[in-house]
Full PDB file with SEQRES, HELIX, SHEET, SSBOND, CRYST1, ORIGX, SCALE, CONECT and MASTER records, all heavy atoms in Angstrom:
SEQRES   1 A   34  ARG GLU GLN TYR ASP LEU VAL LYS PRO GLY GLU GLU ALA          
SEQRES   2 A   34  TYR ALA ILE LEU PRO ALA PRO GLU SER ASP LYS PRO LYS          
SEQRES   3 A   34  ALA LYS PRO LYS VAL VAL VAL ALA                              
CRYST1    1.000    1.000    1.000  90.00  90.00  90.00 P 1           1          
ORIGX1      1.000000  0.000000  0.000000        0.00000                         
ORIGX2      0.000000  1.000000  0.000000        0.00000                         
ORIGX3      0.000000  0.000000  1.000000        0.00000                         
SCALE1      1.000000  0.000000  0.000000        0.00000                         
SCALE2      0.000000  1.000000  0.000000        0.00000                         
SCALE3      0.000000  0.000000  1.000000        0.00000                         
ATOM      1  N   ARG A   1     165.486  84.023 118.443  1.00  0.00           N  
ATOM      2  CA  ARG A   1     164.221  84.749 118.634  1.00  0.00           C  
ATOM      3  C   ARG A   1     164.449  86.232 118.787  1.00  0.00           C  
ATOM      4  O   ARG A   1     163.727  87.057 118.243  1.00  0.00           O  
ATOM      5  CB  ARG A   1     163.508  84.200 119.893  1.00  0.00           C  
ATOM      6  CG  ARG A   1     162.946  82.806 119.695  1.00  0.00           C  
ATOM      7  CD  ARG A   1     162.314  82.343 121.002  1.00  0.00           C  
ATOM      8  NE  ARG A   1     161.781  81.010 120.889  1.00  0.00           N  
ATOM      9  CZ  ARG A   1     160.547  80.718 120.455  1.00  0.00           C  
ATOM     10  NH1 ARG A   1     159.726  81.684 120.094  1.00  0.00           N  
ATOM     11  NH2 ARG A   1     160.142  79.478 120.386  1.00  0.00           N  
ATOM     12  N   GLU A   2     165.465  86.605 119.538  1.00  0.00           N  
ATOM     13  CA  GLU A   2     165.697  88.022 119.876  1.00  0.00           C  
ATOM     14  C   GLU A   2     166.272  88.816 118.685  1.00  0.00           C  
ATOM     15  O   GLU A   2     165.792  89.878 118.367  1.00  0.00           O  
ATOM     16  CB  GLU A   2     166.652  88.098 121.057  1.00  0.00           C  
ATOM     17  CG  GLU A   2     166.975  89.477 121.531  1.00  0.00           C  
ATOM     18  CD  GLU A   2     167.928  89.453 122.712  1.00  0.00           C  
ATOM     19  OE1 GLU A   2     167.578  88.884 123.755  1.00  0.00           O  
ATOM     20  OE2 GLU A   2     169.061  89.972 122.525  1.00  0.00           O  
ATOM     21  N   GLN A   3     167.274  88.262 118.040  1.00  0.00           N  
ATOM     22  CA  GLN A   3     167.970  89.043 116.999  1.00  0.00           C  
ATOM     23  C   GLN A   3     167.429  88.796 115.581  1.00  0.00           C  
ATOM     24  O   GLN A   3     167.509  89.679 114.738  1.00  0.00           O  
ATOM     25  CB  GLN A   3     169.462  88.719 117.029  1.00  0.00           C  
ATOM     26  CG  GLN A   3     170.147  89.169 118.292  1.00  0.00           C  
ATOM     27  CD  GLN A   3     171.612  88.832 118.333  1.00  0.00           C  
ATOM     28  OE1 GLN A   3     172.156  88.271 117.368  1.00  0.00           O  
ATOM     29  NE2 GLN A   3     172.290  89.178 119.417  1.00  0.00           N  
ATOM     30  N   TYR A   4     166.872  87.615 115.331  1.00  0.00           N  
ATOM     31  CA  TYR A   4     166.468  87.290 113.964  1.00  0.00           C  
ATOM     32  C   TYR A   4     164.964  87.081 113.824  1.00  0.00           C  
ATOM     33  O   TYR A   4     164.494  86.698 112.747  1.00  0.00           O  
ATOM     34  CB  TYR A   4     167.221  86.047 113.472  1.00  0.00           C  
ATOM     35  CG  TYR A   4     168.734  86.233 113.500  1.00  0.00           C  
ATOM     36  CD1 TYR A   4     169.507  85.583 114.453  1.00  0.00           C  
ATOM     37  CD2 TYR A   4     169.348  87.098 112.607  1.00  0.00           C  
ATOM     38  CE1 TYR A   4     170.883  85.783 114.489  1.00  0.00           C  
ATOM     39  CE2 TYR A   4     170.724  87.308 112.636  1.00  0.00           C  
ATOM     40  CZ  TYR A   4     171.458  86.628 113.581  1.00  0.00           C  
ATOM     41  OH  TYR A   4     172.801  86.836 113.626  1.00  0.00           O  
ATOM     42  N   ASP A   5     164.213  87.242 114.910  1.00  0.00           N  
ATOM     43  CA  ASP A   5     162.754  87.128 114.885  1.00  0.00           C  
ATOM     44  C   ASP A   5     162.316  85.776 114.353  1.00  0.00           C  
ATOM     45  O   ASP A   5     161.318  85.666 113.634  1.00  0.00           O  
ATOM     46  CB  ASP A   5     162.130  88.247 114.074  1.00  0.00           C  
ATOM     47  CG  ASP A   5     162.444  89.611 114.638  1.00  0.00           C  
ATOM     48  OD1 ASP A   5     162.528  89.733 115.865  1.00  0.00           O  
ATOM     49  OD2 ASP A   5     162.606  90.578 113.861  1.00  0.00           O  
ATOM     50  N   LEU A   6     163.035  84.717 114.685  1.00  0.00           N  
ATOM     51  CA  LEU A   6     162.676  83.368 114.248  1.00  0.00           C  
ATOM     52  C   LEU A   6     161.654  82.788 115.241  1.00  0.00           C  
ATOM     53  O   LEU A   6     161.650  83.078 116.424  1.00  0.00           O  
ATOM     54  CB  LEU A   6     163.899  82.475 114.154  1.00  0.00           C  
ATOM     55  CG  LEU A   6     164.944  82.942 113.094  1.00  0.00           C  
ATOM     56  CD1 LEU A   6     166.133  81.995 113.116  1.00  0.00           C  
ATOM     57  CD2 LEU A   6     164.347  82.973 111.698  1.00  0.00           C  
ATOM     58  N   VAL A   7     160.817  81.871 114.723  1.00  0.00           N  
ATOM     59  CA  VAL A   7     159.820  81.170 115.551  1.00  0.00           C  
ATOM     60  C   VAL A   7     159.922  79.689 115.248  1.00  0.00           C  
ATOM     61  O   VAL A   7     160.384  79.269 114.202  1.00  0.00           O  
ATOM     62  CB  VAL A   7     158.404  81.699 115.306  1.00  0.00           C  
ATOM     63  CG1 VAL A   7     158.263  83.141 115.764  1.00  0.00           C  
ATOM     64  CG2 VAL A   7     158.007  81.569 113.855  1.00  0.00           C  
ATOM     65  N   LYS A   8     159.412  78.894 116.185  1.00  0.00           N  
ATOM     66  CA  LYS A   8     159.374  77.451 115.954  1.00  0.00           C  
ATOM     67  C   LYS A   8     158.193  77.144 115.047  1.00  0.00           C  
ATOM     68  O   LYS A   8     157.234  77.924 114.952  1.00  0.00           O  
ATOM     69  CB  LYS A   8     159.186  76.726 117.307  1.00  0.00           C  
ATOM     70  CG  LYS A   8     160.407  76.734 118.171  1.00  0.00           C  
ATOM     71  CD  LYS A   8     160.173  75.914 119.426  1.00  0.00           C  
ATOM     72  CE  LYS A   8     161.440  75.851 120.258  1.00  0.00           C  
ATOM     73  NZ  LYS A   8     161.235  75.060 121.471  1.00  0.00           N  
ATOM     74  N   PRO A   9     158.213  75.977 114.371  1.00  0.00           N  
ATOM     75  CA  PRO A   9     157.098  75.615 113.522  1.00  0.00           C  
ATOM     76  C   PRO A   9     155.795  75.541 114.368  1.00  0.00           C  
ATOM     77  O   PRO A   9     155.785  75.004 115.466  1.00  0.00           O  
ATOM     78  CB  PRO A   9     157.455  74.223 113.025  1.00  0.00           C  
ATOM     79  CG  PRO A   9     158.963  74.166 113.116  1.00  0.00           C  
ATOM     80  CD  PRO A   9     159.314  75.019 114.292  1.00  0.00           C  
ATOM     81  N   GLY A  10     154.760  76.141 113.849  1.00  0.00           N  
ATOM     82  CA  GLY A  10     153.469  76.153 114.540  1.00  0.00           C  
ATOM     83  C   GLY A  10     153.238  77.414 115.381  1.00  0.00           C  
ATOM     84  O   GLY A  10     152.120  77.678 115.795  1.00  0.00           O  
ATOM     85  N   GLU A  11     154.275  78.185 115.617  1.00  0.00           N  
ATOM     86  CA  GLU A  11     154.135  79.433 116.357  1.00  0.00           C  
ATOM     87  C   GLU A  11     153.836  80.575 115.414  1.00  0.00           C  
ATOM     88  O   GLU A  11     154.171  80.511 114.226  1.00  0.00           O  
ATOM     89  CB  GLU A  11     155.394  79.738 117.160  1.00  0.00           C  
ATOM     90  CG  GLU A  11     155.694  78.803 118.290  1.00  0.00           C  
ATOM     91  CD  GLU A  11     156.939  79.200 119.052  1.00  0.00           C  
ATOM     92  OE1 GLU A  11     157.762  79.959 118.543  1.00  0.00           O  
ATOM     93  OE2 GLU A  11     157.109  78.714 120.180  1.00  0.00           O  
ATOM     94  N   GLU A  12     153.240  81.602 115.933  1.00  0.00           N  
ATOM     95  CA  GLU A  12     152.967  82.788 115.122  1.00  0.00           C  
ATOM     96  C   GLU A  12     153.816  83.941 115.674  1.00  0.00           C  
ATOM     97  O   GLU A  12     153.907  84.113 116.868  1.00  0.00           O  
ATOM     98  CB  GLU A  12     151.482  83.183 115.180  1.00  0.00           C  
ATOM     99  CG  GLU A  12     150.587  82.187 114.484  1.00  0.00           C  
ATOM    100  CD  GLU A  12     149.126  82.636 114.533  1.00  0.00           C  
ATOM    101  OE1 GLU A  12     148.871  83.813 114.823  1.00  0.00           O  
ATOM    102  OE2 GLU A  12     148.283  81.794 114.285  1.00  0.00           O  
ATOM    103  N   ALA A  13     154.355  84.722 114.751  1.00  0.00           N  
ATOM    104  CA  ALA A  13     155.175  85.859 115.146  1.00  0.00           C  
ATOM    105  C   ALA A  13     154.354  87.123 114.965  1.00  0.00           C  
ATOM    106  O   ALA A  13     153.667  87.307 113.974  1.00  0.00           O  
ATOM    107  CB  ALA A  13     156.411  85.944 114.298  1.00  0.00           C  
ATOM    108  N   TYR A  14     154.375  87.986 115.958  1.00  0.00           N  
ATOM    109  CA  TYR A  14     153.719  89.266 115.910  1.00  0.00           C  
ATOM    110  C   TYR A  14     154.734  90.376 116.075  1.00  0.00           C  
ATOM    111  O   TYR A  14     155.663  90.269 116.877  1.00  0.00           O  
ATOM    112  CB  TYR A  14     152.660  89.371 117.040  1.00  0.00           C  
ATOM    113  CG  TYR A  14     151.535  88.390 116.895  1.00  0.00           C  
ATOM    114  CD1 TYR A  14     151.554  87.189 117.598  1.00  0.00           C  
ATOM    115  CD2 TYR A  14     150.476  88.672 116.088  1.00  0.00           C  
ATOM    116  CE1 TYR A  14     150.558  86.286 117.467  1.00  0.00           C  
ATOM    117  CE2 TYR A  14     149.433  87.769 115.954  1.00  0.00           C  
ATOM    118  CZ  TYR A  14     149.470  86.571 116.657  1.00  0.00           C  
ATOM    119  OH  TYR A  14     148.449  85.675 116.524  1.00  0.00           O  
ATOM    120  N   ALA A  15     154.532  91.425 115.317  1.00  0.00           N  
ATOM    121  CA  ALA A  15     155.435  92.579 115.406  1.00  0.00           C  
ATOM    122  C   ALA A  15     154.602  93.759 115.878  1.00  0.00           C  
ATOM    123  O   ALA A  15     153.560  94.045 115.336  1.00  0.00           O  
ATOM    124  CB  ALA A  15     156.061  92.886 114.069  1.00  0.00           C  
ATOM    125  N   ILE A  16     155.084  94.442 116.888  1.00  0.00           N  
ATOM    126  CA  ILE A  16     154.406  95.614 117.385  1.00  0.00           C  
ATOM    127  C   ILE A  16     155.043  96.826 116.713  1.00  0.00           C  
ATOM    128  O   ILE A  16     156.230  97.088 116.875  1.00  0.00           O  
ATOM    129  CB  ILE A  16     154.540  95.720 118.940  1.00  0.00           C  
ATOM    130  CG1 ILE A  16     153.903  94.492 119.567  1.00  0.00           C  
ATOM    131  CG2 ILE A  16     153.927  96.991 119.416  1.00  0.00           C  
ATOM    132  CD1 ILE A  16     154.095  94.395 121.049  1.00  0.00           C  
ATOM    133  N   LEU A  17     154.214  97.518 115.953  1.00  0.00           N  
ATOM    134  CA  LEU A  17     154.714  98.668 115.179  1.00  0.00           C  
ATOM    135  C   LEU A  17     154.597  99.920 116.030  1.00  0.00           C  
ATOM    136  O   LEU A  17     153.728  99.997 116.900  1.00  0.00           O  
ATOM    137  CB  LEU A  17     153.907  98.804 113.902  1.00  0.00           C  
ATOM    138  CG  LEU A  17     153.950  97.584 112.963  1.00  0.00           C  
ATOM    139  CD1 LEU A  17     153.016  97.812 111.791  1.00  0.00           C  
ATOM    140  CD2 LEU A  17     155.349  97.333 112.489  1.00  0.00           C  
ATOM    141  N   PRO A  18     155.408 100.911 115.728  1.00  0.00           N  
ATOM    142  CA  PRO A  18     155.300 102.153 116.455  1.00  0.00           C  
ATOM    143  C   PRO A  18     154.000 102.875 116.083  1.00  0.00           C  
ATOM    144  O   PRO A  18     153.438 102.670 115.021  1.00  0.00           O  
ATOM    145  CB  PRO A  18     156.524 102.962 115.990  1.00  0.00           C  
ATOM    146  CG  PRO A  18     156.934 102.334 114.716  1.00  0.00           C  
ATOM    147  CD  PRO A  18     156.496 100.916 114.769  1.00  0.00           C  
ATOM    148  N   ALA A  19     153.544 103.724 116.961  1.00  0.00           N  
ATOM    149  CA  ALA A  19     152.288 104.463 116.766  1.00  0.00           C  
ATOM    150  C   ALA A  19     152.506 105.385 115.532  1.00  0.00           C  
ATOM    151  O   ALA A  19     153.581 105.941 115.343  1.00  0.00           O  
ATOM    152  CB  ALA A  19     151.946 105.276 117.964  1.00  0.00           C  
ATOM    153  N   PRO A  20     151.428 105.534 114.749  1.00  0.00           N  
ATOM    154  CA  PRO A  20     151.558 106.450 113.579  1.00  0.00           C  
ATOM    155  C   PRO A  20     151.713 107.877 114.043  1.00  0.00           C  
ATOM    156  O   PRO A  20     151.260 108.256 115.133  1.00  0.00           O  
ATOM    157  CB  PRO A  20     150.263 106.246 112.827  1.00  0.00           C  
ATOM    158  CG  PRO A  20     149.319 105.741 113.824  1.00  0.00           C  
ATOM    159  CD  PRO A  20     150.092 104.974 114.843  1.00  0.00           C  
ATOM    160  N   GLU A  21     152.344 108.656 113.193  1.00  0.00           N  
ATOM    161  CA  GLU A  21     152.531 110.070 113.533  1.00  0.00           C  
ATOM    162  C   GLU A  21     151.172 110.744 113.522  1.00  0.00           C  
ATOM    163  O   GLU A  21     150.242 110.320 112.822  1.00  0.00           O  
ATOM    164  CB  GLU A  21     153.466 110.732 112.525  1.00  0.00           C  
ATOM    165  CG  GLU A  21     154.894 110.219 112.625  1.00  0.00           C  
ATOM    166  CD  GLU A  21     155.810 110.978 111.696  1.00  0.00           C  
ATOM    167  OE1 GLU A  21     155.426 112.024 111.180  1.00  0.00           O  
ATOM    168  OE2 GLU A  21     156.927 110.476 111.476  1.00  0.00           O  
ATOM    169  N   SER A  22     151.034 111.806 114.279  1.00  0.00           N  
ATOM    170  CA  SER A  22     149.739 112.505 114.351  1.00  0.00           C  
ATOM    171  C   SER A  22     149.364 113.063 112.995  1.00  0.00           C  
ATOM    172  O   SER A  22     150.209 113.331 112.144  1.00  0.00           O  
ATOM    173  CB  SER A  22     149.818 113.610 115.397  1.00  0.00           C  
ATOM    174  OG  SER A  22     150.770 114.553 114.994  1.00  0.00           O  
ATOM    175  N   ASP A  23     148.043 113.263 112.802  1.00  0.00           N  
ATOM    176  CA  ASP A  23     147.523 113.759 111.536  1.00  0.00           C  
ATOM    177  C   ASP A  23     147.669 115.258 111.415  1.00  0.00           C  
ATOM    178  O   ASP A  23     147.292 115.846 110.386  1.00  0.00           O  
ATOM    179  CB  ASP A  23     146.051 113.368 111.360  1.00  0.00           C  
ATOM    180  CG  ASP A  23     145.898 111.865 111.256  1.00  0.00           C  
ATOM    181  OD1 ASP A  23     146.863 111.222 110.823  1.00  0.00           O  
ATOM    182  OD2 ASP A  23     144.837 111.335 111.587  1.00  0.00           O  
ATOM    183  N   LYS A  24     148.137 115.887 112.417  1.00  0.00           N  
ATOM    184  CA  LYS A  24     148.317 117.333 112.389  1.00  0.00           C  
ATOM    185  C   LYS A  24     149.362 117.715 111.338  1.00  0.00           C  
ATOM    186  O   LYS A  24     150.385 117.060 111.249  1.00  0.00           O  
ATOM    187  CB  LYS A  24     148.764 117.890 113.735  1.00  0.00           C  
ATOM    188  CG  LYS A  24     147.756 117.696 114.838  1.00  0.00           C  
ATOM    189  CD  LYS A  24     148.333 118.245 116.129  1.00  0.00           C  
ATOM    190  CE  LYS A  24     147.441 117.881 117.314  1.00  0.00           C  
ATOM    191  NZ  LYS A  24     148.032 118.300 118.583  1.00  0.00           N  
ATOM    192  N   PRO A  25     149.050 118.738 110.548  1.00  0.00           N  
ATOM    193  CA  PRO A  25     150.091 119.133 109.583  1.00  0.00           C  
ATOM    194  C   PRO A  25     151.274 119.748 110.324  1.00  0.00           C  
ATOM    195  O   PRO A  25     151.124 120.357 111.353  1.00  0.00           O  
ATOM    196  CB  PRO A  25     149.377 120.201 108.698  1.00  0.00           C  
ATOM    197  CG  PRO A  25     148.257 120.680 109.538  1.00  0.00           C  
ATOM    198  CD  PRO A  25     147.842 119.550 110.451  1.00  0.00           C  
ATOM    199  N   LYS A  26     152.400 119.535 109.733  1.00  0.00           N  
ATOM    200  CA  LYS A  26     153.614 120.068 110.342  1.00  0.00           C  
ATOM    201  C   LYS A  26     153.612 121.583 110.196  1.00  0.00           C  
ATOM    202  O   LYS A  26     153.147 122.113 109.189  1.00  0.00           O  
ATOM    203  CB  LYS A  26     154.860 119.473 109.685  1.00  0.00           C  
ATOM    204  CG  LYS A  26     155.025 118.019 109.947  1.00  0.00           C  
ATOM    205  CD  LYS A  26     156.306 117.487 109.378  1.00  0.00           C  
ATOM    206  CE  LYS A  26     156.455 116.015 109.733  1.00  0.00           C  
ATOM    207  NZ  LYS A  26     157.660 115.482 109.144  1.00  0.00           N  
ATOM    208  N   ALA A  27     154.130 122.253 111.178  1.00  0.00           N  
ATOM    209  CA  ALA A  27     154.151 123.713 111.162  1.00  0.00           C  
ATOM    210  C   ALA A  27     155.128 124.168 110.088  1.00  0.00           C  
ATOM    211  O   ALA A  27     156.234 123.631 109.960  1.00  0.00           O  
ATOM    212  CB  ALA A  27     154.585 124.257 112.509  1.00  0.00           C  
ATOM    213  N   LYS A  28     154.646 125.111 109.288  1.00  0.00           N  
ATOM    214  CA  LYS A  28     155.506 125.631 108.230  1.00  0.00           C  
ATOM    215  C   LYS A  28     156.513 126.609 108.855  1.00  0.00           C  
ATOM    216  O   LYS A  28     156.203 127.316 109.787  1.00  0.00           O  
ATOM    217  CB  LYS A  28     154.663 126.388 107.203  1.00  0.00           C  
ATOM    218  CG  LYS A  28     153.731 125.478 106.435  1.00  0.00           C  
ATOM    219  CD  LYS A  28     152.978 126.261 105.401  1.00  0.00           C  
ATOM    220  CE  LYS A  28     152.023 125.345 104.665  1.00  0.00           C  
ATOM    221  NZ  LYS A  28     151.201 126.092 103.700  1.00  0.00           N  
ATOM    222  N   PRO A  29     157.721 126.576 108.345  1.00  0.00           N  
ATOM    223  CA  PRO A  29     158.706 127.527 108.877  1.00  0.00           C  
ATOM    224  C   PRO A  29     158.286 128.956 108.566  1.00  0.00           C  
ATOM    225  O   PRO A  29     157.749 129.255 107.495  1.00  0.00           O  
ATOM    226  CB  PRO A  29     159.993 127.141 108.166  1.00  0.00           C  
ATOM    227  CG  PRO A  29     159.579 126.377 106.970  1.00  0.00           C  
ATOM    228  CD  PRO A  29     158.262 125.751 107.273  1.00  0.00           C  
ATOM    229  N   LYS A  30     158.503 129.811 109.535  1.00  0.00           N  
ATOM    230  CA  LYS A  30     158.138 131.200 109.342  1.00  0.00           C  
ATOM    231  C   LYS A  30     159.162 131.878 108.434  1.00  0.00           C  
ATOM    232  O   LYS A  30     160.355 131.660 108.553  1.00  0.00           O  
ATOM    233  CB  LYS A  30     158.133 131.926 110.702  1.00  0.00           C  
ATOM    234  CG  LYS A  30     157.029 131.442 111.591  1.00  0.00           C  
ATOM    235  CD  LYS A  30     157.014 132.235 112.889  1.00  0.00           C  
ATOM    236  CE  LYS A  30     155.925 131.726 113.792  1.00  0.00           C  
ATOM    237  NZ  LYS A  30     155.880 132.439 115.067  1.00  0.00           N  
ATOM    238  N   VAL A  31     158.622 132.682 107.516  1.00  0.00           N  
ATOM    239  CA  VAL A  31     159.483 133.439 106.586  1.00  0.00           C  
ATOM    240  C   VAL A  31     159.795 134.764 107.270  1.00  0.00           C  
ATOM    241  O   VAL A  31     158.894 135.514 107.652  1.00  0.00           O  
ATOM    242  CB  VAL A  31     158.784 133.647 105.248  1.00  0.00           C  
ATOM    243  CG1 VAL A  31     159.660 134.457 104.328  1.00  0.00           C  
ATOM    244  CG2 VAL A  31     158.434 132.290 104.626  1.00  0.00           C  
ATOM    245  N   VAL A  32     161.045 135.062 107.377  1.00  0.00           N  
ATOM    246  CA  VAL A  32     161.462 136.320 107.992  1.00  0.00           C  
ATOM    247  C   VAL A  32     161.589 137.346 106.873  1.00  0.00           C  
ATOM    248  O   VAL A  32     162.313 137.144 105.904  1.00  0.00           O  
ATOM    249  CB  VAL A  32     162.796 136.151 108.749  1.00  0.00           C  
ATOM    250  CG1 VAL A  32     163.243 137.475 109.328  1.00  0.00           C  
ATOM    251  CG2 VAL A  32     162.658 135.085 109.804  1.00  0.00           C  
ATOM    252  N   VAL A  33     160.840 138.429 107.005  1.00  0.00           N  
ATOM    253  CA  VAL A  33     160.879 139.479 106.027  1.00  0.00           C  
ATOM    254  C   VAL A  33     161.807 140.571 106.557  1.00  0.00           C  
ATOM    255  O   VAL A  33     161.656 141.015 107.708  1.00  0.00           O  
ATOM    256  CB  VAL A  33     159.478 140.065 105.748  1.00  0.00           C  
ATOM    257  CG1 VAL A  33     159.545 141.173 104.735  1.00  0.00           C  
ATOM    258  CG2 VAL A  33     158.543 138.951 105.308  1.00  0.00           C  
ATOM    259  N   ALA A  34     162.714 141.014 105.704  1.00  0.00           N  
ATOM    260  CA  ALA A  34     163.621 142.042 106.143  1.00  0.00           C  
ATOM    261  C   ALA A  34     162.900 143.370 106.244  1.00  0.00           C  
ATOM    262  O   ALA A  34     162.020 143.702 105.434  1.00  0.00           O  
ATOM    263  CB  ALA A  34     164.764 142.158 105.143  1.00  0.00           C  
TER     264      ALA A  34                                                      
MASTER        0    0    0    0    0    0    0    6  263    1    0    3          
END                                                                             
């Protein structure tokens, strides 16, 4: 159950997924002007 996520016949397996990343756009790197 722990390592291979196996279940007995008749049981249902559920997987908890990580939260999605925020919808905020990633900050663009600042361009350094000489």
